[in-house]
Amino acid sequence: WSVLVLDDGSILTASADKVICRWTDGSLVRKYEGHTDC
C-alpha cells in the first residue's frame, strides 16, 4: 500500500499483511512489525 525511498538509498514498503519491510540493493534487510491491520 505504500513505498518510501529513504535518504540512504534504502527502500521501505508497507503492506496489507501488517508488515513494513526495508530493502537495500533489492534485498530484504529488516521487518518492522506491530501494526494490527493493513
All heavy atoms as atom14 arrays in JSON, in Angstrom:
{
  "sequence": "WSVLVLDDGSILTASADKVICRWTDGSLVRKYEGHTDC",
  "atom14_mask": [
    [1, 1, 1, 1, 1, 1, 1, 1, 1, 1, 1, 1, 1, 1],
    [1, 1, 1, 1, 1, 1, 0, 0, 0, 0, 0, 0, 0, 0],
    [1, 1, 1, 1, 1, 1, 1, 0, 0, 0, 0, 0, 0, 0],
    [1, 1, 1, 1, 1, 1, 1, 1, 0, 0, 0, 0, 0, 0],
    [1, 1, 1, 1, 1, 1, 1, 0, 0, 0, 0, 0, 0, 0],
    [1, 1, 1, 1, 1, 1, 1, 1, 0, 0, 0, 0, 0, 0],
    [1, 1, 1, 1, 1, 1, 1, 1, 0, 0, 0, 0, 0, 0],
    [1, 1, 1, 1, 1, 1, 1, 1, 0, 0, 0, 0, 0, 0],
    [1, 1, 1, 1, 0, 0, 0, 0, 0, 0, 0, 0, 0, 0],
    [1, 1, 1, 1, 1, 1, 0, 0, 0, 0, 0, 0, 0, 0],
    [1, 1, 1, 1, 1, 1, 1, 1, 0, 0, 0, 0, 0, 0],
    [1, 1, 1, 1, 1, 1, 1, 1, 0, 0, 0, 0, 0, 0],
    [1, 1, 1, 1, 1, 1, 1, 0, 0, 0, 0, 0, 0, 0],
    [1, 1, 1, 1, 1, 0, 0, 0, 0, 0, 0, 0, 0, 0],
    [1, 1, 1, 1, 1, 1, 0, 0, 0, 0, 0, 0, 0, 0],
    [1, 1, 1, 1, 1, 0, 0, 0, 0, 0, 0, 0, 0, 0],
    [1, 1, 1, 1, 1, 1, 1, 1, 0, 0, 0, 0, 0, 0],
    [1, 1, 1, 1, 1, 1, 1, 1, 1, 0, 0, 0, 0, 0],
    [1, 1, 1, 1, 1, 1, 1, 0, 0, 0, 0, 0, 0, 0],
    [1, 1, 1, 1, 1, 1, 1, 1, 0, 0, 0, 0, 0, 0],
    [1, 1, 1, 1, 1, 1, 0, 0, 0, 0, 0, 0, 0, 0],
    [1, 1, 1, 1, 1, 1, 1, 1, 1, 1, 1, 0, 0, 0],
    [1, 1, 1, 1, 1, 1, 1, 1, 1, 1, 1, 1, 1, 1],
    [1, 1, 1, 1, 1, 1, 1, 0, 0, 0, 0, 0, 0, 0],
    [1, 1, 1, 1, 1, 1, 1, 1, 0, 0, 0, 0, 0, 0],
    [1, 1, 1, 1, 0, 0, 0, 0, 0, 0, 0, 0, 0, 0],
    [1, 1, 1, 1, 1, 1, 0, 0, 0, 0, 0, 0, 0, 0],
    [1, 1, 1, 1, 1, 1, 1, 1, 0, 0, 0, 0, 0, 0],
    [1, 1, 1, 1, 1, 1, 1, 0, 0, 0, 0, 0, 0, 0],
    [1, 1, 1, 1, 1, 1, 1, 1, 1, 1, 1, 0, 0, 0],
    [1, 1, 1, 1, 1, 1, 1, 1, 1, 0, 0, 0, 0, 0],
    [1, 1, 1, 1, 1, 1, 1, 1, 1, 1, 1, 1, 0, 0],
    [1, 1, 1, 1, 1, 1, 1, 1, 1, 0, 0, 0, 0, 0],
    [1, 1, 1, 1, 0, 0, 0, 0, 0, 0, 0, 0, 0, 0],
    [1, 1, 1, 1, 1, 1, 1, 1, 1, 1, 0, 0, 0, 0],
    [1, 1, 1, 1, 1, 1, 1, 0, 0, 0, 0, 0, 0, 0],
    [1, 1, 1, 1, 1, 1, 1, 1, 0, 0, 0, 0, 0, 0],
    [1, 1, 1, 1, 1, 1, 0, 0, 0, 0, 0, 0, 0, 0]
  ],
  "atom14_positions": [
    [[0.81, -1.21, 0.0], [0.0, 0.0, 0.0], [0.84, 1.27, 0.0], [0.35, 2.34, -0.37], [-0.92, 0.03, 1.22], [-2.22, -0.68, 1.02], [-2.61, -1.86, 1.59], [-3.32, -0.27, 0.21], [-3.88, -2.19, 1.18], [-4.33, -1.24, 0.33], [-3.54, 0.83, -0.62], [-5.55, -1.14, -0.34], [-4.75, 0.93, -1.29], [-5.74, -0.05, -1.15]],
    [[2.1, 1.18, 0.44], [2.92, 2.38, 0.49], [4.38, 2.02, 0.27], [4.82, 0.93, 0.64], [2.76, 3.1, 1.84], [3.43, 4.35, 1.84], [0.0, 0.0, 0.0], [0.0, 0.0, 0.0], [0.0, 0.0, 0.0], [0.0, 0.0, 0.0], [0.0, 0.0, 0.0], [0.0, 0.0, 0.0], [0.0, 0.0, 0.0], [0.0, 0.0, 0.0]],
    [[5.11, 2.94, -0.34], [6.55, 2.78, -0.56], [7.23, 4.09, -0.22], [6.63, 5.17, -0.31], [6.88, 2.36, -2.01], [6.32, 0.97, -2.31], [6.33, 3.37, -3.01], [0.0, 0.0, 0.0], [0.0, 0.0, 0.0], [0.0, 0.0, 0.0], [0.0, 0.0, 0.0], [0.0, 0.0, 0.0], [0.0, 0.0, 0.0], [0.0, 0.0, 0.0]],
    [[8.51, 4.02, 0.16], [9.24, 5.22, 0.55], [10.72, 5.01, 0.29], [11.31, 4.03, 0.76], [9.01, 5.51, 2.04], [9.74, 6.72, 2.62], [9.24, 8.01, 1.99], [9.54, 6.77, 4.15], [0.0, 0.0, 0.0], [0.0, 0.0, 0.0], [0.0, 0.0, 0.0], [0.0, 0.0, 0.0], [0.0, 0.0, 0.0], [0.0, 0.0, 0.0]],
    [[11.33, 5.93, -0.46], [12.77, 5.92, -0.68], [13.41, 6.76, 0.42], [13.09, 7.95, 0.56], [13.14, 6.49, -2.06], [14.65, 6.38, -2.27], [12.41, 5.76, -3.17], [0.0, 0.0, 0.0], [0.0, 0.0, 0.0], [0.0, 0.0, 0.0], [0.0, 0.0, 0.0], [0.0, 0.0, 0.0], [0.0, 0.0, 0.0], [0.0, 0.0, 0.0]],
    [[14.31, 6.17, 1.21], [14.99, 6.88, 2.28], [16.25, 7.57, 1.74], [16.75, 7.25, 0.65], [15.36, 5.91, 3.4], [14.17, 5.25, 4.11], [14.66, 4.23, 5.14], [13.28, 6.29, 4.79], [0.0, 0.0, 0.0], [0.0, 0.0, 0.0], [0.0, 0.0, 0.0], [0.0, 0.0, 0.0], [0.0, 0.0, 0.0], [0.0, 0.0, 0.0]],
    [[16.77, 8.5, 2.54], [17.93, 9.28, 2.09], [19.17, 8.43, 1.86], [20.04, 8.78, 1.06], [18.25, 10.38, 3.11], [17.25, 11.52, 3.07], [16.46, 11.59, 2.11], [17.25, 12.34, 4.01], [0.0, 0.0, 0.0], [0.0, 0.0, 0.0], [0.0, 0.0, 0.0], [0.0, 0.0, 0.0], [0.0, 0.0, 0.0], [0.0, 0.0, 0.0]],
    [[19.27, 7.29, 2.57], [20.45, 6.43, 2.4], [20.32, 5.49, 1.2], [21.21, 4.66, 0.96], [20.74, 5.64, 3.67], [19.64, 4.63, 4.01], [18.64, 4.54, 3.27], [19.78, 3.94, 5.04], [0.0, 0.0, 0.0], [0.0, 0.0, 0.0], [0.0, 0.0, 0.0], [0.0, 0.0, 0.0], [0.0, 0.0, 0.0], [0.0, 0.0, 0.0]],
    [[19.22, 5.61, 0.46], [19.01, 4.78, -0.71], [18.24, 3.51, -0.45], [17.81, 2.83, -1.39], [0.0, 0.0, 0.0], [0.0, 0.0, 0.0], [0.0, 0.0, 0.0], [0.0, 0.0, 0.0], [0.0, 0.0, 0.0], [0.0, 0.0, 0.0], [0.0, 0.0, 0.0], [0.0, 0.0, 0.0], [0.0, 0.0, 0.0], [0.0, 0.0, 0.0]],
    [[18.04, 3.17, 0.82], [17.21, 2.0, 1.12], [15.74, 2.34, 0.9], [15.37, 3.52, 0.78], [17.46, 1.49, 2.54], [17.07, 2.46, 3.5], [0.0, 0.0, 0.0], [0.0, 0.0, 0.0], [0.0, 0.0, 0.0], [0.0, 0.0, 0.0], [0.0, 0.0, 0.0], [0.0, 0.0, 0.0], [0.0, 0.0, 0.0], [0.0, 0.0, 0.0]],
    [[14.92, 1.31, 0.82], [13.51, 1.47, 0.47], [12.64, 0.8, 1.52], [12.94, -0.32, 1.97], [13.24, 0.86, -0.92], [13.97, 1.68, -2.0], [11.75, 0.78, -1.23], [14.11, 0.95, -3.31], [0.0, 0.0, 0.0], [0.0, 0.0, 0.0], [0.0, 0.0, 0.0], [0.0, 0.0, 0.0], [0.0, 0.0, 0.0], [0.0, 0.0, 0.0]],
    [[11.58, 1.48, 1.91], [10.58, 0.91, 2.8], [9.33, 0.57, 2.0], [8.92, 1.32, 1.11], [10.21, 1.88, 3.92], [11.3, 2.26, 4.91], [10.78, 3.34, 5.86], [11.78, 1.05, 5.7], [0.0, 0.0, 0.0], [0.0, 0.0, 0.0], [0.0, 0.0, 0.0], [0.0, 0.0, 0.0], [0.0, 0.0, 0.0], [0.0, 0.0, 0.0]],
    [[8.72, -0.57, 2.33], [7.44, -0.96, 1.76], [6.5, -1.33, 2.89], [6.9, -1.93, 3.88], [7.59, -2.16, 0.8], [8.19, -3.26, 1.51], [8.46, -1.81, -0.38], [0.0, 0.0, 0.0], [0.0, 0.0, 0.0], [0.0, 0.0, 0.0], [0.0, 0.0, 0.0], [0.0, 0.0, 0.0], [0.0, 0.0, 0.0], [0.0, 0.0, 0.0]],
    [[5.23, -0.96, 2.75], [4.23, -1.25, 3.77], [3.06, -1.96, 3.12], [2.67, -1.63, 2.0], [3.75, 0.04, 4.43], [0.0, 0.0, 0.0], [0.0, 0.0, 0.0], [0.0, 0.0, 0.0], [0.0, 0.0, 0.0], [0.0, 0.0, 0.0], [0.0, 0.0, 0.0], [0.0, 0.0, 0.0], [0.0, 0.0, 0.0], [0.0, 0.0, 0.0]],
    [[2.5, -2.93, 3.84], [1.58, -3.84, 3.18], [0.31, -4.11, 3.99], [0.26, -3.9, 5.21], [2.31, -5.17, 2.92], [1.44, -6.18, 2.46], [0.0, 0.0, 0.0], [0.0, 0.0, 0.0], [0.0, 0.0, 0.0], [0.0, 0.0, 0.0], [0.0, 0.0, 0.0], [0.0, 0.0, 0.0], [0.0, 0.0, 0.0], [0.0, 0.0, 0.0]],
    [[-0.68, -4.64, 3.27], [-1.89, -5.14, 3.91], [-1.61, -6.35, 4.78], [-2.48, -6.76, 5.56], [-2.92, -5.5, 2.84], [0.0, 0.0, 0.0], [0.0, 0.0, 0.0], [0.0, 0.0, 0.0], [0.0, 0.0, 0.0], [0.0, 0.0, 0.0], [0.0, 0.0, 0.0], [0.0, 0.0, 0.0], [0.0, 0.0, 0.0], [0.0, 0.0, 0.0]],
    [[-0.41, -6.93, 4.68], [-0.05, -8.05, 5.56], [0.41, -7.59, 6.94], [0.89, -8.38, 7.74], [1.0, -8.95, 4.91], [2.34, -8.25, 4.66], [2.57, -7.14, 5.18], [3.18, -8.83, 3.93], [0.0, 0.0, 0.0], [0.0, 0.0, 0.0], [0.0, 0.0, 0.0], [0.0, 0.0, 0.0], [0.0, 0.0, 0.0], [0.0, 0.0, 0.0]],
    [[0.28, -6.25, 7.21], [0.56, -5.61, 8.51], [2.04, -5.37, 8.76], [2.43, -4.94, 9.84], [-0.03, -6.43, 9.68], [-1.48, -6.84, 9.51], [-1.93, -7.77, 10.64], [-3.28, -8.36, 10.35], [-3.71, -9.33, 11.4], [0.0, 0.0, 0.0], [0.0, 0.0, 0.0], [0.0, 0.0, 0.0], [0.0, 0.0, 0.0], [0.0, 0.0, 0.0]],
    [[2.89, -5.69, 7.79], [4.34, -5.63, 7.96], [4.93, -4.51, 7.12], [4.47, -4.24, 6.0], [4.99, -6.98, 7.57], [6.51, -6.91, 7.68], [4.44, -8.1, 8.45], [0.0, 0.0, 0.0], [0.0, 0.0, 0.0], [0.0, 0.0, 0.0], [0.0, 0.0, 0.0], [0.0, 0.0, 0.0], [0.0, 0.0, 0.0], [0.0, 0.0, 0.0]],
    [[5.96, -3.85, 7.66], [6.79, -2.9, 6.93], [8.13, -3.57, 6.69], [8.7, -4.17, 7.6], [6.98, -1.6, 7.73], [5.62, -0.95, 8.04], [7.88, -0.62, 6.97], [5.69, 0.12, 9.12], [0.0, 0.0, 0.0], [0.0, 0.0, 0.0], [0.0, 0.0, 0.0], [0.0, 0.0, 0.0], [0.0, 0.0, 0.0], [0.0, 0.0, 0.0]],
    [[8.65, -3.48, 5.48], [9.94, -4.07, 5.14], [10.9, -3.0, 4.66], [10.5, -2.03, 4.02], [9.79, -5.13, 4.05], [8.89, -6.61, 4.54], [0.0, 0.0, 0.0], [0.0, 0.0, 0.0], [0.0, 0.0, 0.0], [0.0, 0.0, 0.0], [0.0, 0.0, 0.0], [0.0, 0.0, 0.0], [0.0, 0.0, 0.0], [0.0, 0.0, 0.0]],
    [[12.18, -3.21, 4.99], [13.25, -2.34, 4.47], [14.15, -3.15, 3.56], [14.52, -4.29, 3.88], [14.05, -1.75, 5.64], [15.13, -0.76, 5.2], [15.9, -0.25, 6.4], [17.03, 0.57, 6.03], [18.17, 0.64, 6.71], [18.31, -0.07, 7.82], [19.15, 1.42, 6.3], [0.0, 0.0, 0.0], [0.0, 0.0, 0.0], [0.0, 0.0, 0.0]],
    [[14.48, -2.54, 2.41], [15.23, -3.22, 1.36], [16.48, -2.41, 1.01], [16.44, -1.19, 0.93], [14.38, -3.36, 0.11], [13.01, -3.94, 0.35], [11.91, -3.27, 0.84], [12.58, -5.28, 0.11], [10.84, -4.11, 0.91], [11.22, -5.36, 0.47], [13.22, -6.41, -0.39], [10.47, -6.52, 0.35], [12.48, -7.58, -0.51], [11.13, -7.64, -0.14]],
    [[17.58, -3.1, 0.78], [18.81, -2.49, 0.3], [19.3, -3.26, -0.91], [19.45, -4.49, -0.83], [19.89, -2.46, 1.4], [19.4, -1.72, 2.53], [21.16, -1.79, 0.9], [0.0, 0.0, 0.0], [0.0, 0.0, 0.0], [0.0, 0.0, 0.0], [0.0, 0.0, 0.0], [0.0, 0.0, 0.0], [0.0, 0.0, 0.0], [0.0, 0.0, 0.0]],
    [[19.53, -2.57, -2.01], [20.01, -3.2, -3.25], [19.16, -4.42, -3.63], [19.67, -5.46, -4.05], [21.48, -3.61, -3.12], [22.39, -2.42, -2.92], [22.09, -1.35, -3.47], [23.4, -2.55, -2.2], [0.0, 0.0, 0.0], [0.0, 0.0, 0.0], [0.0, 0.0, 0.0], [0.0, 0.0, 0.0], [0.0, 0.0, 0.0], [0.0, 0.0, 0.0]],
    [[17.86, -4.3, -3.45], [16.94, -5.35, -3.85], [16.75, -6.47, -2.86], [15.96, -7.39, -3.11], [0.0, 0.0, 0.0], [0.0, 0.0, 0.0], [0.0, 0.0, 0.0], [0.0, 0.0, 0.0], [0.0, 0.0, 0.0], [0.0, 0.0, 0.0], [0.0, 0.0, 0.0], [0.0, 0.0, 0.0], [0.0, 0.0, 0.0], [0.0, 0.0, 0.0]],
    [[17.45, -6.42, -1.72], [17.38, -7.5, -0.73], [16.69, -7.02, 0.55], [16.91, -5.89, 1.01], [18.78, -8.01, -0.38], [19.4, -8.57, -1.52], [0.0, 0.0, 0.0], [0.0, 0.0, 0.0], [0.0, 0.0, 0.0], [0.0, 0.0, 0.0], [0.0, 0.0, 0.0], [0.0, 0.0, 0.0], [0.0, 0.0, 0.0], [0.0, 0.0, 0.0]],
    [[15.87, -7.89, 1.13], [15.19, -7.58, 2.38], [16.19, -7.6, 3.53], [16.92, -8.58, 3.72], [14.1, -8.62, 2.63], [13.32, -8.52, 3.94], [12.56, -7.2, 4.02], [12.34, -9.7, 4.08], [0.0, 0.0, 0.0], [0.0, 0.0, 0.0], [0.0, 0.0, 0.0], [0.0, 0.0, 0.0], [0.0, 0.0, 0.0], [0.0, 0.0, 0.0]],
    [[16.24, -6.5, 4.3], [17.21, -6.42, 5.4], [16.55, -6.27, 6.76], [17.2, -6.53, 7.78], [18.21, -5.26, 5.18], [19.07, -5.52, 3.95], [17.49, -3.92, 5.05], [0.0, 0.0, 0.0], [0.0, 0.0, 0.0], [0.0, 0.0, 0.0], [0.0, 0.0, 0.0], [0.0, 0.0, 0.0], [0.0, 0.0, 0.0], [0.0, 0.0, 0.0]],
    [[15.28, -5.87, 6.81], [14.64, -5.72, 8.12], [13.12, -5.71, 7.97], [12.6, -5.24, 6.95], [15.09, -4.44, 8.82], [14.59, -4.31, 10.27], [15.17, -3.08, 10.95], [16.63, -3.14, 11.03], [17.31, -3.81, 11.96], [16.66, -4.49, 12.88], [18.63, -3.78, 11.95], [0.0, 0.0, 0.0], [0.0, 0.0, 0.0], [0.0, 0.0, 0.0]],
    [[12.44, -6.23, 8.99], [10.99, -6.13, 9.07], [10.61, -5.34, 10.33], [11.25, -5.45, 11.37], [10.34, -7.52, 9.12], [10.42, -8.3, 7.83], [9.64, -9.6, 7.93], [9.65, -10.36, 6.61], [8.84, -11.61, 6.68], [0.0, 0.0, 0.0], [0.0, 0.0, 0.0], [0.0, 0.0, 0.0], [0.0, 0.0, 0.0], [0.0, 0.0, 0.0]],
    [[9.54, -4.55, 10.19], [9.02, -3.77, 11.31], [7.58, -4.26, 11.55], [6.71, -4.09, 10.69], [9.01, -2.28, 10.96], [10.36, -1.75, 10.51], [10.78, -1.92, 9.19], [11.21, -1.08, 11.39], [12.0, -1.42, 8.75], [12.43, -0.58, 10.97], [12.82, -0.76, 9.65], [14.04, -0.27, 9.22], [0.0, 0.0, 0.0], [0.0, 0.0, 0.0]],
    [[7.36, -4.84, 12.7], [6.06, -5.44, 12.98], [5.47, -4.84, 14.25], [6.19, -4.52, 15.19], [6.2, -6.95, 13.11], [6.69, -7.61, 11.82], [6.84, -9.11, 11.93], [7.93, -9.57, 12.33], [5.85, -9.82, 11.62], [0.0, 0.0, 0.0], [0.0, 0.0, 0.0], [0.0, 0.0, 0.0], [0.0, 0.0, 0.0], [0.0, 0.0, 0.0]],
    [[4.15, -4.69, 14.26], [3.46, -4.11, 15.4], [2.05, -3.67, 15.06], [1.14, -3.78, 15.88], [0.0, 0.0, 0.0], [0.0, 0.0, 0.0], [0.0, 0.0, 0.0], [0.0, 0.0, 0.0], [0.0, 0.0, 0.0], [0.0, 0.0, 0.0], [0.0, 0.0, 0.0], [0.0, 0.0, 0.0], [0.0, 0.0, 0.0], [0.0, 0.0, 0.0]],
    [[1.86, -3.16, 13.85], [0.5, -2.81, 13.43], [-0.37, -4.06, 13.42], [0.09, -5.16, 13.1], [0.51, -2.17, 12.04], [0.9, -0.72, 12.04], [0.16, 0.26, 12.67], [1.96, -0.08, 11.47], [0.73, 1.43, 12.49], [1.83, 1.26, 11.76], [0.0, 0.0, 0.0], [0.0, 0.0, 0.0], [0.0, 0.0, 0.0], [0.0, 0.0, 0.0]],
    [[-1.64, -3.86, 13.73], [-2.56, -5.0, 13.81], [-3.55, -5.05, 12.64], [-4.47, -5.84, 12.65], [-3.34, -4.94, 15.14], [-4.06, -3.71, 15.23], [-2.38, -5.05, 16.32], [0.0, 0.0, 0.0], [0.0, 0.0, 0.0], [0.0, 0.0, 0.0], [0.0, 0.0, 0.0], [0.0, 0.0, 0.0], [0.0, 0.0, 0.0], [0.0, 0.0, 0.0]],
    [[-3.33, -4.19, 11.65], [-4.15, -4.21, 10.44], [-3.3, -3.65, 9.3], [-2.13, -3.31, 9.51], [-5.43, -3.39, 10.65], [-6.58, -3.83, 9.75], [-6.3, -4.41, 8.67], [-7.75, -3.6, 10.1], [0.0, 0.0, 0.0], [0.0, 0.0, 0.0], [0.0, 0.0, 0.0], [0.0, 0.0, 0.0], [0.0, 0.0, 0.0], [0.0, 0.0, 0.0]],
    [[-3.88, -3.52, 8.13], [-3.16, -3.04, 6.94], [-2.37, -1.78, 7.25], [-2.89, -0.85, 7.87], [-4.14, -2.71, 5.83], [-5.26, -4.02, 5.35], [0.0, 0.0, 0.0], [0.0, 0.0, 0.0], [0.0, 0.0, 0.0], [0.0, 0.0, 0.0], [0.0, 0.0, 0.0], [0.0, 0.0, 0.0], [0.0, 0.0, 0.0], [0.0, 0.0, 0.0]]
  ]
}
